């Protein structure tokens, strides 16, 4: 039980005093970057799905 208590106290101390937390403006720019990258990735996947589906439809319509 003492090891668990020590672990929790050390973890709390590390999170509070030893970790460098980003500023709010850095978090905003990172979040916007992730949002834009996710949107571009979703568009690319959607385009690939559309091309593949169209190709399969054309292929199966011939047989």
N, C-alpha and C. Protein backbone atom coordinates (compact mmCIF):
# COMPACT_ATOMS: atom_id res chain seq x y z
N UNK A 1 0.82 -1.19 0.00
CA UNK A 1 0.00 0.00 0.00
C UNK A 1 0.87 1.26 0.00
N UNK A 2 2.00 1.18 0.67
CA UNK A 2 2.90 2.32 0.74
C UNK A 2 3.48 2.65 -0.64
N UNK A 3 3.75 1.59 -1.44
CA UNK A 3 4.28 1.82 -2.78
C UNK A 3 3.26 2.55 -3.66
N UNK A 4 2.02 2.19 -3.54
CA UNK A 4 0.96 2.84 -4.31
C UNK A 4 0.83 4.31 -3.92
N UNK A 5 0.84 4.57 -2.63
CA UNK A 5 0.74 5.94 -2.14
C UNK A 5 1.93 6.76 -2.62
N UNK A 6 3.12 6.19 -2.55
CA UNK A 6 4.33 6.87 -3.01
C UNK A 6 4.25 7.15 -4.51
N UNK A 7 3.78 6.17 -5.26
CA UNK A 7 3.64 6.34 -6.70
C UNK A 7 2.70 7.49 -7.04
N UNK A 8 1.55 7.54 -6.38
CA UNK A 8 0.57 8.58 -6.64
C UNK A 8 1.12 9.96 -6.27
N UNK A 9 1.77 10.06 -5.14
CA UNK A 9 2.34 11.35 -4.72
C UNK A 9 3.45 11.81 -5.67
N UNK A 10 4.31 10.90 -6.09
CA UNK A 10 5.38 11.25 -7.03
C UNK A 10 4.82 11.63 -8.40
N UNK A 11 3.78 10.92 -8.83
CA UNK A 11 3.15 11.24 -10.11
C UNK A 11 2.53 12.63 -10.07
N UNK A 12 1.84 12.93 -8.99
CA UNK A 12 1.23 14.25 -8.84
C UNK A 12 2.30 15.35 -8.84
N UNK A 13 3.38 15.12 -8.11
CA UNK A 13 4.46 16.10 -8.06
C UNK A 13 5.08 16.31 -9.44
N UNK A 14 5.26 15.24 -10.16
CA UNK A 14 5.84 15.36 -11.51
C UNK A 14 4.90 16.12 -12.45
N UNK A 15 3.63 15.81 -12.40
CA UNK A 15 2.67 16.50 -13.27
C UNK A 15 2.55 17.99 -12.92
N UNK A 16 2.67 18.31 -11.66
CA UNK A 16 2.49 19.69 -11.22
C UNK A 16 3.76 20.53 -11.38
N UNK A 17 4.91 19.97 -11.09
CA UNK A 17 6.13 20.78 -10.99
C UNK A 17 7.18 20.50 -12.06
N UNK A 18 7.17 19.33 -12.66
CA UNK A 18 8.25 18.97 -13.57
C UNK A 18 7.85 18.95 -15.04
N UNK A 19 6.58 19.01 -15.32
CA UNK A 19 6.09 18.98 -16.70
C UNK A 19 5.93 20.40 -17.20
N UNK A 20 6.37 20.65 -18.42
CA UNK A 20 6.16 21.95 -19.04
C UNK A 20 4.89 21.88 -19.87
N UNK A 21 3.89 22.61 -19.46
CA UNK A 21 2.62 22.60 -20.15
C UNK A 21 2.62 23.67 -21.23
N UNK A 22 2.02 23.39 -22.39
CA UNK A 22 1.98 24.39 -23.47
C UNK A 22 1.04 25.54 -23.12
N UNK A 23 1.30 26.66 -23.74
CA UNK A 23 0.44 27.83 -23.55
C UNK A 23 -0.85 27.64 -24.33
N UNK A 24 -1.86 28.40 -23.96
CA UNK A 24 -3.19 28.28 -24.59
C UNK A 24 -3.10 28.55 -26.10
N UNK A 25 -2.30 29.53 -26.50
CA UNK A 25 -2.19 29.85 -27.93
C UNK A 25 -1.54 28.70 -28.71
N UNK A 26 -0.59 28.02 -28.08
CA UNK A 26 0.02 26.85 -28.72
C UNK A 26 -0.99 25.73 -28.88
N UNK A 27 -1.83 25.55 -27.87
CA UNK A 27 -2.87 24.52 -27.96
C UNK A 27 -3.87 24.83 -29.07
N UNK A 28 -4.22 26.11 -29.21
CA UNK A 28 -5.14 26.51 -30.27
C UNK A 28 -4.55 26.21 -31.64
N UNK A 29 -3.27 26.59 -31.86
CA UNK A 29 -2.69 26.35 -33.18
C UNK A 29 -2.54 24.86 -33.45
N UNK A 30 -2.20 24.09 -32.44
CA UNK A 30 -2.09 22.64 -32.63
C UNK A 30 -3.46 22.04 -32.95
N UNK A 31 -4.48 22.51 -32.26
CA UNK A 31 -5.83 21.98 -32.51
C UNK A 31 -6.30 22.32 -33.92
N UNK A 32 -6.02 23.52 -34.37
CA UNK A 32 -6.41 23.91 -35.73
C UNK A 32 -5.66 23.07 -36.75
N UNK A 33 -4.38 22.82 -36.50
CA UNK A 33 -3.59 21.99 -37.40
C UNK A 33 -4.16 20.58 -37.49
N UNK A 34 -4.52 20.01 -36.36
CA UNK A 34 -5.10 18.67 -36.35
C UNK A 34 -6.45 18.66 -37.07
N UNK A 35 -7.26 19.69 -36.86
CA UNK A 35 -8.56 19.78 -37.52
C UNK A 35 -8.41 19.85 -39.04
N UNK A 36 -7.51 20.69 -39.52
CA UNK A 36 -7.28 20.84 -40.96
C UNK A 36 -6.72 19.54 -41.55
N UNK A 37 -5.74 18.94 -40.87
CA UNK A 37 -5.16 17.69 -41.36
C UNK A 37 -6.20 16.58 -41.41
N UNK A 38 -7.07 16.51 -40.41
CA UNK A 38 -8.13 15.49 -40.39
C UNK A 38 -9.11 15.71 -41.53
N UNK A 39 -9.45 16.96 -41.79
CA UNK A 39 -10.37 17.28 -42.88
C UNK A 39 -9.76 16.88 -44.23
N UNK A 40 -8.49 17.21 -44.45
CA UNK A 40 -7.83 16.85 -45.70
C UNK A 40 -7.75 15.33 -45.84
N UNK A 41 -7.41 14.64 -44.76
CA UNK A 41 -7.33 13.19 -44.79
C UNK A 41 -8.70 12.58 -45.10
N UNK A 42 -9.76 13.11 -44.51
CA UNK A 42 -11.11 12.61 -44.78
C UNK A 42 -11.50 12.83 -46.24
N UNK A 43 -11.14 13.99 -46.79
CA UNK A 43 -11.43 14.24 -48.20
C UNK A 43 -10.69 13.27 -49.11
N UNK A 44 -9.43 13.00 -48.80
CA UNK A 44 -8.66 12.06 -49.61
C UNK A 44 -9.24 10.64 -49.55
N UNK A 45 -9.61 10.21 -48.36
CA UNK A 45 -10.21 8.88 -48.21
C UNK A 45 -11.55 8.83 -48.94
N UNK A 46 -12.35 9.88 -48.83
CA UNK A 46 -13.63 9.93 -49.54
C UNK A 46 -13.44 9.89 -51.05
N UNK A 47 -12.46 10.62 -51.55
CA UNK A 47 -12.17 10.62 -52.98
C UNK A 47 -11.71 9.24 -53.45
N UNK A 48 -10.83 8.60 -52.67
CA UNK A 48 -10.38 7.25 -53.02
C UNK A 48 -11.55 6.27 -53.02
N UNK A 49 -12.45 6.40 -52.05
CA UNK A 49 -13.62 5.52 -51.98
C UNK A 49 -14.53 5.73 -53.19
N UNK A 50 -14.73 6.99 -53.57
CA UNK A 50 -15.57 7.29 -54.73
C UNK A 50 -14.97 6.72 -56.00
N UNK A 51 -13.67 6.90 -56.21
CA UNK A 51 -13.01 6.39 -57.41
C UNK A 51 -13.08 4.86 -57.43
N UNK A 52 -12.81 4.23 -56.30
CA UNK A 52 -12.87 2.77 -56.25
C UNK A 52 -14.28 2.27 -56.51
N UNK A 53 -15.28 2.90 -55.90
CA UNK A 53 -16.67 2.48 -56.10
C UNK A 53 -17.09 2.66 -57.55
N UNK A 54 -16.73 3.77 -58.17
CA UNK A 54 -17.06 4.01 -59.57
C UNK A 54 -16.39 2.98 -60.47
N UNK A 55 -15.13 2.70 -60.18
CA UNK A 55 -14.41 1.69 -60.96
C UNK A 55 -15.04 0.32 -60.83
N UNK A 56 -15.44 -0.06 -59.62
CA UNK A 56 -16.08 -1.36 -59.41
C UNK A 56 -17.45 -1.41 -60.10
N UNK A 57 -18.20 -0.33 -60.04
CA UNK A 57 -19.49 -0.29 -60.73
C UNK A 57 -19.32 -0.47 -62.22
N UNK A 58 -18.35 0.21 -62.81
CA UNK A 58 -18.09 0.07 -64.24
C UNK A 58 -17.65 -1.36 -64.58
N UNK A 59 -16.81 -1.92 -63.74
CA UNK A 59 -16.32 -3.28 -63.97
C UNK A 59 -17.45 -4.29 -63.92
N UNK A 60 -18.31 -4.21 -62.90
CA UNK A 60 -19.39 -5.19 -62.74
C UNK A 60 -20.53 -4.96 -63.72
N UNK A 61 -20.70 -3.74 -64.22
CA UNK A 61 -21.73 -3.51 -65.22
C UNK A 61 -21.40 -4.19 -66.55
N UNK A 62 -20.12 -4.45 -66.79
CA UNK A 62 -19.73 -5.10 -68.03
C UNK A 62 -20.00 -6.59 -68.01
N UNK A 63 -20.14 -7.16 -66.81
CA UNK A 63 -20.34 -8.62 -66.74
C UNK A 63 -21.72 -8.95 -66.33
